Amino acid sequence: MMARRCLVEGRVQGVFFRATTQRKANELAVTGYAKNLPDGRVEVWAEGVAANVDELCAWLWHGPDMANVSRVDCEIATPKNFTEFTTA
């Protein structure tokens, strides 16, 4: 079990980024959340099997079709034992 906290920049709000991230996380059995930040970024907390978390973090560079991701910064975090992936 591992966790990462990622901050995603670019055109990532108002383009279904959180909902699409949730669907991808559910496909990968990754728990955590995606939430909009006041500064226009999206924060993604992802935890689960290392390979699946890494795959989700790589996917953040693409996101949904309408997104235009310019930067993704991920850091290793301590798992909080989420039971599902939510959007806030």
N, C-alpha and C. Protein backbone atom coordinates (compact mmCIF):
# COMPACT_ATOMS: atom_id res chain seq x y z
N MET A 1 0.85 -1.18 0.00
CA MET A 1 0.00 0.00 0.00
C MET A 1 0.89 1.24 0.00
N MET A 2 0.59 2.14 -0.92
CA MET A 2 1.32 3.41 -0.96
C MET A 2 0.35 4.54 -1.22
N ALA A 3 0.78 5.76 -0.98
CA ALA A 3 -0.07 6.93 -1.23
C ALA A 3 0.76 8.03 -1.87
N ARG A 4 0.07 8.81 -2.71
CA ARG A 4 0.68 9.99 -3.33
C ARG A 4 -0.33 11.13 -3.30
N ARG A 5 0.18 12.32 -3.09
CA ARG A 5 -0.62 13.54 -3.20
C ARG A 5 -0.11 14.28 -4.42
N CYS A 6 -1.02 14.55 -5.36
CA CYS A 6 -0.65 15.20 -6.61
C CYS A 6 -1.40 16.51 -6.77
N LEU A 7 -0.72 17.50 -7.30
CA LEU A 7 -1.33 18.76 -7.68
C LEU A 7 -1.24 18.88 -9.19
N VAL A 8 -2.41 19.08 -9.81
CA VAL A 8 -2.50 19.10 -11.27
C VAL A 8 -2.84 20.51 -11.72
N GLU A 9 -2.03 21.07 -12.63
CA GLU A 9 -2.23 22.43 -13.12
C GLU A 9 -2.59 22.43 -14.59
N GLY A 10 -3.19 23.52 -15.02
CA GLY A 10 -3.60 23.70 -16.41
C GLY A 10 -5.10 23.93 -16.47
N ARG A 11 -5.68 23.59 -17.61
CA ARG A 11 -7.15 23.69 -17.71
C ARG A 11 -7.70 22.37 -17.18
N VAL A 12 -7.94 22.35 -15.87
CA VAL A 12 -8.35 21.12 -15.20
C VAL A 12 -9.63 21.29 -14.37
N GLN A 13 -10.18 22.48 -14.36
CA GLN A 13 -11.47 22.69 -13.69
C GLN A 13 -12.52 23.01 -14.74
N GLY A 14 -13.72 22.46 -14.56
CA GLY A 14 -14.80 22.69 -15.50
C GLY A 14 -14.72 21.80 -16.74
N VAL A 15 -13.89 20.75 -16.68
CA VAL A 15 -13.72 19.86 -17.84
C VAL A 15 -13.92 18.39 -17.43
N PHE A 16 -14.61 18.17 -16.32
CA PHE A 16 -14.89 16.82 -15.81
C PHE A 16 -13.64 16.08 -15.36
N PHE A 17 -12.62 16.84 -14.95
CA PHE A 17 -11.37 16.22 -14.53
C PHE A 17 -11.57 15.35 -13.29
N ARG A 18 -12.27 15.86 -12.28
CA ARG A 18 -12.46 15.10 -11.05
C ARG A 18 -13.27 13.83 -11.29
N ALA A 19 -14.36 13.94 -12.03
CA ALA A 19 -15.21 12.78 -12.30
C ALA A 19 -14.47 11.73 -13.12
N THR A 20 -13.71 12.16 -14.09
CA THR A 20 -12.96 11.22 -14.92
C THR A 20 -11.85 10.57 -14.11
N THR A 21 -11.22 11.33 -13.25
CA THR A 21 -10.19 10.78 -12.37
C THR A 21 -10.80 9.73 -11.45
N GLN A 22 -11.99 10.00 -10.95
CA GLN A 22 -12.67 9.04 -10.09
C GLN A 22 -12.95 7.73 -10.83
N ARG A 23 -13.41 7.83 -12.07
CA ARG A 23 -13.66 6.61 -12.86
C ARG A 23 -12.37 5.82 -13.08
N LYS A 24 -11.29 6.52 -13.42
CA LYS A 24 -10.01 5.85 -13.64
C LYS A 24 -9.52 5.21 -12.34
N ALA A 25 -9.64 5.91 -11.24
CA ALA A 25 -9.21 5.37 -9.94
C ALA A 25 -10.01 4.12 -9.60
N ASN A 26 -11.31 4.15 -9.85
CA ASN A 26 -12.14 2.98 -9.57
C ASN A 26 -11.73 1.79 -10.43
N GLU A 27 -11.39 2.03 -11.69
CA GLU A 27 -10.90 0.95 -12.57
C GLU A 27 -9.63 0.31 -12.00
N LEU A 28 -8.80 1.13 -11.36
CA LEU A 28 -7.51 0.68 -10.86
C LEU A 28 -7.57 0.24 -9.39
N ALA A 29 -8.74 0.31 -8.78
CA ALA A 29 -8.90 -0.02 -7.35
C ALA A 29 -8.03 0.88 -6.47
N VAL A 30 -7.99 2.16 -6.83
CA VAL A 30 -7.25 3.17 -6.07
C VAL A 30 -8.27 3.98 -5.28
N THR A 31 -7.96 4.26 -4.01
CA THR A 31 -8.84 5.07 -3.18
C THR A 31 -8.24 6.45 -2.95
N GLY A 32 -9.05 7.37 -2.44
CA GLY A 32 -8.59 8.72 -2.16
C GLY A 32 -9.62 9.73 -2.60
N TYR A 33 -9.16 10.82 -3.22
CA TYR A 33 -10.09 11.87 -3.65
C TYR A 33 -9.46 12.75 -4.73
N ALA A 34 -10.33 13.51 -5.39
CA ALA A 34 -9.93 14.58 -6.29
C ALA A 34 -10.77 15.79 -5.93
N LYS A 35 -10.13 16.92 -5.72
CA LYS A 35 -10.90 18.12 -5.38
C LYS A 35 -10.30 19.36 -6.03
N ASN A 36 -11.18 20.28 -6.38
CA ASN A 36 -10.76 21.56 -6.95
C ASN A 36 -10.17 22.42 -5.84
N LEU A 37 -9.12 23.14 -6.18
CA LEU A 37 -8.53 24.10 -5.26
C LEU A 37 -8.88 25.51 -5.71
N PRO A 38 -8.92 26.46 -4.79
CA PRO A 38 -9.29 27.83 -5.16
C PRO A 38 -8.39 28.46 -6.21
N ASP A 39 -7.14 28.01 -6.32
CA ASP A 39 -6.21 28.61 -7.28
C ASP A 39 -6.30 28.00 -8.69
N GLY A 40 -7.29 27.12 -8.92
CA GLY A 40 -7.49 26.56 -10.26
C GLY A 40 -6.88 25.19 -10.47
N ARG A 41 -6.09 24.72 -9.51
CA ARG A 41 -5.50 23.38 -9.62
C ARG A 41 -6.48 22.34 -9.09
N VAL A 42 -6.17 21.08 -9.36
CA VAL A 42 -6.91 19.96 -8.77
C VAL A 42 -5.92 19.18 -7.91
N GLU A 43 -6.34 18.88 -6.69
CA GLU A 43 -5.55 18.04 -5.79
C GLU A 43 -6.08 16.62 -5.89
N VAL A 44 -5.18 15.67 -6.08
CA VAL A 44 -5.56 14.26 -6.14
C VAL A 44 -4.77 13.51 -5.08
N TRP A 45 -5.51 12.81 -4.22
CA TRP A 45 -4.90 11.91 -3.24
C TRP A 45 -5.18 10.50 -3.73
N ALA A 46 -4.14 9.71 -3.92
CA ALA A 46 -4.31 8.35 -4.45
C ALA A 46 -3.57 7.37 -3.57
N GLU A 47 -4.25 6.30 -3.17
CA GLU A 47 -3.58 5.27 -2.40
C GLU A 47 -4.07 3.89 -2.81
N GLY A 48 -3.17 2.93 -2.73
CA GLY A 48 -3.47 1.55 -3.13
C GLY A 48 -2.19 0.83 -3.49
N VAL A 49 -2.31 -0.19 -4.31
CA VAL A 49 -1.16 -0.95 -4.79
C VAL A 49 -0.25 0.00 -5.58
N ALA A 50 1.04 -0.08 -5.34
CA ALA A 50 1.98 0.87 -5.93
C ALA A 50 1.85 1.00 -7.44
N ALA A 51 1.77 -0.11 -8.16
CA ALA A 51 1.68 -0.05 -9.62
C ALA A 51 0.42 0.68 -10.07
N ASN A 52 -0.68 0.50 -9.36
CA ASN A 52 -1.94 1.15 -9.73
C ASN A 52 -1.90 2.64 -9.41
N VAL A 53 -1.32 3.00 -8.28
CA VAL A 53 -1.17 4.42 -7.95
C VAL A 53 -0.27 5.09 -8.97
N ASP A 54 0.82 4.44 -9.34
CA ASP A 54 1.72 5.01 -10.36
C ASP A 54 0.99 5.19 -11.69
N GLU A 55 0.15 4.22 -12.05
CA GLU A 55 -0.60 4.34 -13.31
C GLU A 55 -1.57 5.51 -13.27
N LEU A 56 -2.26 5.69 -12.15
CA LEU A 56 -3.17 6.83 -12.03
C LEU A 56 -2.40 8.14 -12.09
N CYS A 57 -1.27 8.22 -11.42
CA CYS A 57 -0.47 9.45 -11.43
C CYS A 57 0.01 9.78 -12.85
N ALA A 58 0.39 8.77 -13.61
CA ALA A 58 0.79 9.00 -15.00
C ALA A 58 -0.41 9.46 -15.84
N TRP A 59 -1.58 8.88 -15.58
CA TRP A 59 -2.80 9.24 -16.31
C TRP A 59 -3.18 10.70 -16.08
N LEU A 60 -2.84 11.25 -14.92
CA LEU A 60 -3.18 12.64 -14.61
C LEU A 60 -2.61 13.61 -15.63
N TRP A 61 -1.53 13.25 -16.30
CA TRP A 61 -0.94 14.11 -17.33
C TRP A 61 -1.86 14.24 -18.54
N HIS A 62 -2.80 13.33 -18.70
CA HIS A 62 -3.71 13.35 -19.85
C HIS A 62 -5.10 13.82 -19.43
N GLY A 63 -5.67 13.18 -18.44
CA GLY A 63 -7.01 13.54 -17.98
C GLY A 63 -8.05 13.37 -19.08
N PRO A 64 -9.20 14.00 -18.91
CA PRO A 64 -10.25 13.90 -19.93
C PRO A 64 -9.88 14.70 -21.18
N ASP A 65 -10.60 14.45 -22.25
CA ASP A 65 -10.29 15.07 -23.53
C ASP A 65 -10.24 16.59 -23.49
N MET A 66 -11.12 17.22 -22.73
CA MET A 66 -11.19 18.69 -22.71
C MET A 66 -10.12 19.33 -21.82
N ALA A 67 -9.41 18.53 -21.05
CA ALA A 67 -8.37 19.08 -20.16
C ALA A 67 -7.12 19.42 -20.95
N ASN A 68 -6.37 20.34 -20.41
CA ASN A 68 -5.05 20.68 -20.96
C ASN A 68 -4.11 20.79 -19.76
N VAL A 69 -3.46 19.70 -19.43
CA VAL A 69 -2.61 19.62 -18.25
C VAL A 69 -1.24 20.19 -18.57
N SER A 70 -0.79 21.14 -17.75
CA SER A 70 0.52 21.74 -17.98
C SER A 70 1.56 21.28 -16.96
N ARG A 71 1.09 20.76 -15.81
CA ARG A 71 2.04 20.34 -14.77
C ARG A 71 1.36 19.39 -13.80
N VAL A 72 2.09 18.37 -13.38
CA VAL A 72 1.63 17.46 -12.33
C VAL A 72 2.78 17.26 -11.37
N ASP A 73 2.57 17.63 -10.12
CA ASP A 73 3.57 17.42 -9.07
C ASP A 73 3.02 16.41 -8.08
N CYS A 74 3.71 15.29 -7.93
CA CYS A 74 3.27 14.24 -7.00
C CYS A 74 4.35 14.05 -5.94
N GLU A 75 3.89 13.81 -4.72
CA GLU A 75 4.79 13.51 -3.63
C GLU A 75 4.31 12.28 -2.89
N ILE A 76 5.23 11.53 -2.35
CA ILE A 76 4.88 10.36 -1.56
C ILE A 76 4.24 10.84 -0.26
N ALA A 77 3.19 10.14 0.14
CA ALA A 77 2.46 10.51 1.35
C ALA A 77 2.22 9.27 2.21
N THR A 78 1.80 9.49 3.41
CA THR A 78 1.44 8.40 4.31
C THR A 78 -0.01 8.02 4.06
N PRO A 79 -0.29 6.76 3.77
CA PRO A 79 -1.68 6.35 3.52
C PRO A 79 -2.61 6.71 4.68
N LYS A 80 -3.83 7.13 4.31
CA LYS A 80 -4.85 7.47 5.29
C LYS A 80 -5.96 6.41 5.34
N ASN A 81 -5.77 5.34 4.56
CA ASN A 81 -6.71 4.21 4.55
C ASN A 81 -8.11 4.60 4.11
N PHE A 82 -8.21 5.32 3.00
CA PHE A 82 -9.50 5.62 2.41
C PHE A 82 -10.16 4.32 1.95
N THR A 83 -11.46 4.29 1.96
CA THR A 83 -12.18 3.07 1.54
C THR A 83 -12.78 3.22 0.14
N GLU A 84 -12.76 4.43 -0.42
CA GLU A 84 -13.30 4.68 -1.75
C GLU A 84 -12.60 5.90 -2.33
N PHE A 85 -12.89 6.19 -3.59
CA PHE A 85 -12.37 7.40 -4.23
C PHE A 85 -13.52 8.37 -4.41
N THR A 86 -13.39 9.57 -3.88
CA THR A 86 -14.46 10.55 -3.92
C THR A 86 -14.02 11.81 -4.65
N THR A 87 -15.00 12.62 -4.99
CA THR A 87 -14.74 13.95 -5.54
C THR A 87 -15.33 14.96 -4.57
N ALA A 88 -14.59 16.00 -4.32
CA ALA A 88 -15.05 17.01 -3.37
C ALA A 88 -15.28 18.33 -4.08
